[in-house]
Every structure is written in C-alpha cells, then in structure tokens.
Amino acid sequence: MRILVTRTDAIGDVVLTLPLCGFLKRQIPGTTICILARTYTKAVVDVSDSIDEFLDYERLMALPADQQVQTLKSHQFDAIIHLVTLKHMTEMAYKAGIGIRIGTWSRPYHWLQCNRLVWLRRRQSDLHEATLHFKLMKPLVREPIPKNLWEYYNLTNFAPLPDHYLQLQNTDKFTIILHPLSNKNALEWSLESFSELIGLLDPERYRIFITGSEKEQIELEPWVKSLPSHVIDLTGQLPLPLLITFINGVDGLLAGSTGPMHLAAACGINTLGLFPNYKPKNAGRWGPLGPRTDFIETQTDTLDSVSPEAVFTRIQRWKKMERNNG
C-alpha cells in the first residue's frame, strides 16, 4: 500500500507526524509512506526511517492545476490522510482518483471529496497533536494508539557533523543548547531571562550553546555579544540537517514551542519546553514528546512568570546522556 500524508506547515508539525508514519509502517507490512511537506522540512524527513518518500508541496503548487493532478496521480497512492486540512489538496486528491481519502467531519468540504471521515475537532481537544494524528488512521488501522509514541520517530539517518562541532561536544561537561527564538511562531522567553539562567549555570559544569537560524542570528547578535565568553554562539551556522545531528549529540535543550524543541525530544535528549497555559497553544497540545521531556507553563499571557530559577531547578535534575562513542 502507498499512503500519502499531508503536513505542509512547520518543522515541529512534521516531527510530530513521524510517530504515526512509523506506526503505520509497522502495522501494515510493505507499506510505503510519502509525506507532502514544505521544502525546508525535508531534513526532518530524511533523518527518519518512518517516511520513505518526500513530495515537495511548494514545487507541486508551482505547477499548472492540471499538472498538479497528474503529478499526484503518477505516484499511484492508494490512500491519503489529510493531517492538515487544505481545501485545494482535498480537491486535488479527489481528482487524482486516490482510492481512500481520509478527512474529518468538521470540514464541510471533506464531505463530498473524502470517502473516509473521522470525527475530530482539534481546537476543542485535550489530546496532544501527535495523538490527534493517530485518530485519523482509524480507516486503515484499528489498533489502539500506542502508549509511547516517541518509539516510532525512528531517527537514524543523521548527517555527518564536521569535526569542529564534534570537538565542541567532546567534553565531560553537561552540554546544553539554549534556543531563544521561535521565528515569532510561539511565545518567547525574554533574552534577559536567558541571560539570568546562563548566570546560574556553572561554567565548570555546563557547556552552553546558543542556536538560531540565519535570520535569528541578526536579531540575536547584540545580545550574544553581551554574554560571558564561555558561551558558544552557533547562531546561523548550522543548516537544518547539521542542527539535527548537533542536537542529537548534546545532553539537553531549552526552548519555547519550536521545531528544535520537538527535534530534541525526538532525539531522546533532555528537553525542556516553555509554554502558555491556554488552549490550543499549551503543553498538553504541543509539549515535547519523548523519553526525557519536561515543560513549564506560564501563569500569564506571556512567559514572564517563568523565572530563571525555576528553569534552572528543572535543568539541575537532568543527567548527562550515556553514549557509546566506540
């Protein structure tokens, strides 16, 4: 069976799609899973064995309408799961003649163009986003949702990391990434709070890295220059494939509700996420999903109520990752 899943939004959304894909592959032997996603998220797909093929959403949408349908048809998908609801993709899948088209009752445009409907209202749900994905597998798999969803991330294909970065990780100190920004996609802890936290982290015990995109590097530059000399600035240096590998090689990561936070959880390292306490942005819906995860929810409309001392207390509980470097 060839199954297409759609998740055309951000890095974290694609990360949280991996458990469903891995579970489907285990439950339906011989299944090929393809994801329709944005170009910049491809590195997430490449590192995981849960997905076999990548269909570039932006390239598909750049084609004339008739070629879009023909392209979709050429992949000979047996089923499509609309994890993200896009009216034009619903119509395209219908015109392409995909046999099983799974959508939700809550989207009226799914009523005529999907032939398998699941009752699902995301905004009102108390379930985690990754668990909501599993609700949409019912027309294909009747098995109960597994308990430890992180067992199905299947991150194995890490890009080689240049020696310079490997040496930065080669220390007896606890290595921790602080990822301050979110591209304005989530609430952000103040840079002043990050600075206070850095002051609490003993440089004899912790090796601290700051990460961020090239765009965020410009925004963070004045702040980074104000930090103590032992803090290592990696902003703008790591394209996504290398960032994933670097995250996998450290002991912990602190961030808001961002893609790197979800990647850290998927890699299985110590992960602390900072969240608002209101739906649908809270940790219950978007919290880090992994074997060593934790979160703090704010008591106000911002993250200002989260103190550096509270974050430091959580980080102190973390244990250094045990790795076989042989």
Protein backbone atom coordinates (compact mmCIF):
# COMPACT_ATOMS: atom_id res chain seq x y z
CA MET A 1 0.00 0.00 0.00
CA ARG A 2 1.17 3.53 -0.82
CA ILE A 3 -0.02 6.17 1.65
CA LEU A 4 0.34 9.95 1.35
CA VAL A 5 0.15 12.09 4.49
CA THR A 6 -0.10 15.87 4.31
CA ARG A 7 1.70 18.19 6.74
CA THR A 8 2.52 21.40 4.91
CA ASP A 9 3.42 23.63 7.85
CA ALA A 10 6.43 23.90 10.17
CA ILE A 11 9.30 21.73 11.37
CA GLY A 12 7.66 20.77 14.65
CA ASP A 13 4.47 19.72 12.88
CA VAL A 14 6.43 17.37 10.63
CA VAL A 15 8.35 15.95 13.61
CA LEU A 16 5.04 15.11 15.30
CA THR A 17 3.87 13.34 12.14
CA LEU A 18 6.71 10.79 12.31
CA PRO A 19 5.18 8.56 15.04
CA LEU A 20 2.00 7.98 13.02
CA CYS A 21 4.02 7.16 9.92
CA GLY A 22 6.30 4.78 11.81
CA PHE A 23 3.32 3.05 13.38
CA LEU A 24 1.54 2.61 10.04
CA LYS A 25 4.66 1.04 8.55
CA ARG A 26 4.82 -1.42 11.43
CA GLN A 27 1.11 -2.27 11.32
CA ILE A 28 0.83 -2.61 7.53
CA PRO A 29 3.88 -4.56 6.30
CA GLY A 30 5.20 -3.43 2.95
CA THR A 31 3.59 -0.01 3.20
CA THR A 32 5.31 2.95 1.57
CA ILE A 33 4.74 6.27 3.34
CA CYS A 34 5.12 9.56 1.45
CA ILE A 35 4.70 12.97 3.03
CA LEU A 36 3.57 16.14 1.29
CA ALA A 37 5.51 18.88 3.05
CA ARG A 38 7.41 22.13 2.55
CA THR A 39 10.92 22.17 1.16
CA TYR A 40 12.66 23.39 4.31
CA THR A 41 11.30 20.49 6.39
CA LYS A 42 12.85 17.81 4.16
CA ALA A 43 15.80 17.32 6.51
CA VAL A 44 13.38 16.10 9.18
CA VAL A 45 12.00 13.50 6.78
CA ASP A 46 15.47 12.47 5.58
CA VAL A 47 16.68 11.63 9.09
CA SER A 48 13.75 9.31 9.84
CA ASP A 49 13.02 5.77 8.68
CA SER A 50 9.32 6.37 9.37
CA ILE A 51 8.83 8.04 5.97
CA ASP A 52 10.00 6.63 2.65
CA GLU A 53 9.35 9.45 0.17
CA PHE A 54 9.10 13.24 0.16
CA LEU A 55 6.73 15.15 -2.12
CA ASP A 56 7.61 18.85 -2.23
CA TYR A 57 4.47 20.90 -1.63
CA GLU A 58 5.91 24.14 -3.00
CA ARG A 59 7.09 22.52 -6.21
CA LEU A 60 3.75 20.82 -6.65
CA MET A 61 1.84 24.07 -6.18
CA ALA A 62 4.09 25.85 -8.69
CA LEU A 63 2.76 23.59 -11.46
CA PRO A 64 -0.36 24.38 -13.54
CA ALA A 65 -3.51 22.91 -11.98
CA ASP A 66 -3.82 20.04 -14.46
CA GLN A 67 -0.17 19.05 -13.93
CA GLN A 68 -0.68 19.10 -10.17
CA VAL A 69 -3.36 16.43 -10.52
CA GLN A 70 -1.29 14.42 -12.98
CA THR A 71 1.74 14.54 -10.69
CA LEU A 72 -0.30 13.29 -7.76
CA LYS A 73 -1.83 10.59 -9.95
CA SER A 74 1.60 9.47 -11.18
CA HIS A 75 2.61 8.46 -7.65
CA GLN A 76 -0.20 5.88 -7.59
CA PHE A 77 -1.20 6.47 -3.98
CA ASP A 78 -3.74 4.06 -2.52
CA ALA A 79 -4.67 6.37 0.35
CA ILE A 80 -4.24 9.94 1.55
CA ILE A 81 -4.51 11.13 5.16
CA HIS A 82 -5.27 14.85 5.37
CA LEU A 83 -3.40 15.62 8.61
CA VAL A 84 -3.55 19.30 7.72
CA THR A 85 -6.79 20.36 6.08
CA LEU A 86 -6.26 22.23 2.82
CA LYS A 87 -9.27 22.64 0.57
CA HIS A 88 -7.23 22.64 -2.64
CA MET A 89 -5.40 19.46 -1.63
CA THR A 90 -8.70 17.77 -0.84
CA GLU A 91 -9.92 18.59 -4.34
CA MET A 92 -6.61 17.56 -5.93
CA ALA A 93 -6.62 14.16 -4.23
CA TYR A 94 -10.22 13.62 -5.35
CA LYS A 95 -9.40 14.49 -8.97
CA ALA A 96 -6.29 12.29 -8.86
CA GLY A 97 -8.50 9.33 -8.03
CA ILE A 98 -6.77 8.31 -4.80
CA GLY A 99 -8.87 5.39 -3.59
CA ILE A 100 -9.00 6.07 0.16
CA ARG A 101 -9.26 9.74 1.10
CA ILE A 102 -9.33 10.31 4.85
CA GLY A 103 -10.65 13.59 6.23
CA THR A 104 -12.74 14.92 9.10
CA TRP A 105 -16.44 15.53 9.63
CA SER A 106 -15.62 19.02 10.92
CA ARG A 107 -14.58 20.22 7.44
CA PRO A 108 -17.66 20.53 5.16
CA TYR A 109 -15.51 20.40 2.02
CA HIS A 110 -14.38 16.93 3.09
CA TRP A 111 -17.95 15.61 2.96
CA LEU A 112 -18.04 15.25 -0.81
CA GLN A 113 -14.37 14.78 -1.66
CA CYS A 114 -13.23 12.42 1.10
CA ASN A 115 -14.70 8.94 1.38
CA ARG A 116 -13.49 8.10 4.90
CA LEU A 117 -14.47 10.63 7.57
CA VAL A 118 -13.32 10.77 11.19
CA TRP A 119 -14.95 12.88 13.89
CA LEU A 120 -12.24 15.26 15.08
CA ARG A 121 -12.23 18.83 16.42
CA ARG A 122 -8.63 19.81 17.07
CA ARG A 123 -9.22 23.20 18.66
CA GLN A 124 -11.51 21.76 21.33
CA SER A 125 -9.43 18.66 22.02
CA ASP A 126 -7.34 17.97 25.12
CA LEU A 127 -5.19 15.50 23.18
CA HIS A 128 -1.61 16.03 22.06
CA GLU A 129 -1.12 16.94 18.40
CA ALA A 130 0.69 13.66 17.71
CA THR A 131 -2.17 11.71 19.29
CA LEU A 132 -4.69 13.59 17.13
CA HIS A 133 -2.78 12.37 14.08
CA PHE A 134 -3.42 8.80 15.20
CA LYS A 135 -7.17 9.43 15.29
CA LEU A 136 -7.06 9.75 11.50
CA MET A 137 -5.57 6.29 10.98
CA LYS A 138 -8.81 4.54 12.02
CA PRO A 139 -9.99 3.81 8.45
CA LEU A 140 -6.69 1.98 7.83
CA VAL A 141 -5.68 0.53 11.21
CA ARG A 142 -7.96 -0.43 14.09
CA GLU A 143 -5.17 -0.97 16.61
CA PRO A 144 -5.23 1.19 19.77
CA ILE A 145 -2.96 4.21 19.89
CA PRO A 146 0.40 3.10 21.34
CA LYS A 147 1.46 4.44 24.73
CA ASN A 148 4.98 5.66 23.95
CA LEU A 149 4.60 7.46 20.65
CA TRP A 150 8.25 8.52 20.66
CA GLU A 151 9.25 4.92 19.95
CA TYR A 152 8.10 5.49 16.36
CA TYR A 153 10.19 8.58 15.48
CA ASN A 154 12.90 6.27 14.07
CA LEU A 155 15.63 8.90 13.71
CA THR A 156 18.63 7.01 12.34
CA ASN A 157 19.98 8.77 9.24
CA PHE A 158 21.92 11.67 10.78
CA ALA A 159 24.03 13.86 8.53
CA PRO A 160 27.79 13.72 9.28
CA LEU A 161 28.86 16.52 11.60
CA PRO A 162 32.13 18.35 10.81
CA ASP A 163 34.96 17.66 13.27
CA HIS A 164 34.86 21.20 14.63
CA TYR A 165 31.37 20.68 16.01
CA LEU A 166 32.14 17.18 17.24
CA GLN A 167 35.02 18.60 19.27
CA LEU A 168 32.70 21.14 20.86
CA GLN A 169 30.57 18.26 22.12
CA ASN A 170 33.56 16.22 23.30
CA THR A 171 33.60 17.23 26.95
CA ASP A 172 32.81 15.83 30.38
CA LYS A 173 30.67 18.89 30.99
CA PHE A 174 26.91 18.80 30.53
CA THR A 175 26.28 20.18 27.05
CA ILE A 176 23.12 22.26 26.69
CA ILE A 177 21.55 24.19 23.84
CA LEU A 178 19.60 27.35 24.53
CA HIS A 179 17.35 28.19 21.56
CA PRO A 180 15.81 31.58 22.44
CA LEU A 181 13.68 32.48 19.41
CA SER A 182 10.81 30.86 17.52
CA ASN A 183 10.52 32.89 14.31
CA LYS A 184 7.57 34.56 16.08
CA ASN A 185 5.60 31.30 15.90
CA ALA A 186 5.35 30.91 19.68
CA LEU A 187 5.71 32.80 22.93
CA GLU A 188 9.35 33.63 23.61
CA TRP A 189 11.12 33.84 26.95
CA SER A 190 12.90 37.15 27.30
CA LEU A 191 16.59 37.37 26.46
CA GLU A 192 17.10 38.88 29.89
CA SER A 193 15.73 35.67 31.42
CA PHE A 194 18.08 33.59 29.29
CA SER A 195 20.97 35.77 30.47
CA GLU A 196 19.98 35.24 34.11
CA LEU A 197 19.77 31.50 33.52
CA ILE A 198 23.25 31.49 31.97
CA GLY A 199 24.48 33.21 35.12
CA LEU A 200 23.10 30.31 37.17
CA LEU A 201 24.72 27.61 35.03
CA ASP A 202 28.20 26.94 36.44
CA PRO A 203 30.69 27.09 33.53
CA GLU A 204 32.74 24.38 35.26
CA ARG A 205 29.78 22.03 34.90
CA TYR A 206 27.91 23.24 31.80
CA ARG A 207 28.98 23.92 28.23
CA ILE A 208 26.37 26.25 26.76
CA PHE A 209 25.49 26.66 23.08
CA ILE A 210 23.20 29.30 21.57
CA THR A 211 21.42 28.27 18.37
CA GLY A 212 19.19 30.06 15.90
CA SER A 213 18.58 30.48 12.19
CA GLU A 214 20.50 32.89 9.95
CA LYS A 215 17.64 35.36 10.25
CA GLU A 216 17.62 34.99 14.04
CA GLN A 217 21.40 35.44 14.15
CA ILE A 218 20.96 39.07 13.10
CA GLU A 219 18.36 39.67 15.79
CA LEU A 220 20.38 37.90 18.48
CA GLU A 221 23.80 39.37 17.66
CA PRO A 222 23.75 42.31 20.15
CA TRP A 223 22.54 40.02 22.93
CA VAL A 224 25.06 37.27 22.15
CA LYS A 225 27.89 39.82 22.34
CA SER A 226 26.81 40.63 25.90
CA LEU A 227 27.14 37.02 27.09
CA PRO A 228 30.11 35.59 29.02
CA SER A 229 32.98 34.32 26.88
CA HIS A 230 32.38 30.66 27.77
CA VAL A 231 29.00 30.67 25.96
CA ILE A 232 29.41 29.31 22.42
CA ASP A 233 27.49 31.10 19.68
CA LEU A 234 26.26 28.78 16.90
CA THR A 235 23.52 31.04 15.55
CA GLY A 236 23.29 30.98 11.77
CA GLN A 237 25.98 28.30 11.48
CA LEU A 238 24.01 25.07 11.32
CA PRO A 239 21.68 24.28 8.41
CA LEU A 240 18.82 22.03 9.48
CA PRO A 241 20.49 18.66 8.70
CA LEU A 242 23.52 19.61 10.82
CA LEU A 243 21.38 21.18 13.54
CA ILE A 244 19.50 17.89 13.93
CA THR A 245 22.78 15.98 14.24
CA PHE A 246 24.19 18.53 16.69
CA ILE A 247 21.06 18.35 18.84
CA ASN A 248 21.35 14.58 18.87
CA GLY A 249 24.89 14.88 20.25
CA VAL A 250 24.25 17.16 23.23
CA ASP A 251 22.77 16.41 26.64
CA GLY A 252 19.87 18.86 26.78
CA LEU A 253 17.95 21.67 25.12
CA LEU A 254 15.79 24.53 26.36
CA ALA A 255 13.37 26.35 24.05
CA GLY A 256 9.85 27.56 23.61
CA SER A 257 7.34 25.74 21.43
CA THR A 258 9.68 25.43 18.44
CA GLY A 259 10.90 22.91 15.90
CA PRO A 260 14.26 22.43 17.68
CA MET A 261 12.41 21.59 20.90
CA HIS A 262 10.46 18.85 19.11
CA LEU A 263 13.63 17.62 17.41
CA ALA A 264 15.40 17.37 20.78
CA ALA A 265 12.52 15.34 22.20
CA ALA A 266 12.58 13.08 19.14
CA CYS A 267 16.34 12.57 19.54
CA GLY A 268 15.69 11.40 23.09
CA ILE A 269 17.82 14.01 24.88
CA ASN A 270 16.76 16.03 27.94
CA THR A 271 14.25 18.60 26.68
CA LEU A 272 12.53 21.45 28.49
CA GLY A 273 9.81 23.45 26.73
CA LEU A 274 8.28 26.75 27.86
CA PHE A 275 4.58 27.18 27.09
CA PRO A 276 1.48 29.28 27.69
CA ASN A 277 -1.23 27.60 29.76
CA TYR A 278 -4.15 28.23 27.39
CA LYS A 279 -5.57 26.11 24.57
CA PRO A 280 -4.66 25.32 21.89
CA LYS A 281 -1.07 26.51 22.47
CA ASN A 282 -0.45 24.78 25.78
CA ALA A 283 1.90 21.89 26.52
CA GLY A 284 -0.96 19.41 26.58
CA ARG A 285 -1.32 20.01 22.85
CA TRP A 286 2.22 20.91 21.75
CA GLY A 287 4.54 19.76 24.53
CA PRO A 288 7.78 17.89 23.79
CA LEU A 289 7.12 14.20 23.17
CA GLY A 290 9.98 11.94 24.16
CA PRO A 291 11.52 9.79 26.91
CA ARG A 292 13.29 12.70 28.68
CA THR A 293 10.95 15.65 28.33
CA ASP A 294 9.61 18.30 30.66
CA PHE A 295 7.77 21.59 30.36
CA ILE A 296 6.83 24.69 32.31
CA GLU A 297 3.61 26.56 31.60
CA THR A 298 3.28 30.27 32.22
CA GLN A 299 0.68 31.70 34.59
CA THR A 300 0.14 34.81 32.45
CA ASP A 301 -0.30 35.74 28.79
CA THR A 302 3.49 35.88 28.37
CA LEU A 303 6.39 33.75 29.59
CA ASP A 304 7.43 36.46 32.05
CA SER A 305 6.08 34.48 35.00
CA VAL A 306 8.60 31.69 34.32
CA SER A 307 11.61 32.51 36.47
CA PRO A 308 15.21 31.62 35.56
CA GLU A 309 15.42 29.93 38.97
CA ALA A 310 12.50 27.63 38.10
CA VAL A 311 14.11 26.68 34.79
CA PHE A 312 17.48 26.15 36.49
CA THR A 313 15.86 23.83 39.03
CA ARG A 314 14.47 21.64 36.23
CA ILE A 315 17.81 21.57 34.39
CA GLN A 316 19.65 20.54 37.56
CA ARG A 317 17.61 17.32 37.58
CA TRP A 318 18.92 16.28 34.19
CA LYS A 319 21.51 13.54 33.82
CA LYS A 320 24.24 13.55 31.22
CA MET A 321 23.44 11.30 28.26
CA GLU A 322 25.29 7.99 28.16
CA ARG A 323 26.58 7.34 24.67
CA ASN A 324 28.69 4.61 23.13
CA ASN A 325 31.41 6.56 21.36
CA GLY A 326 33.30 3.46 20.32
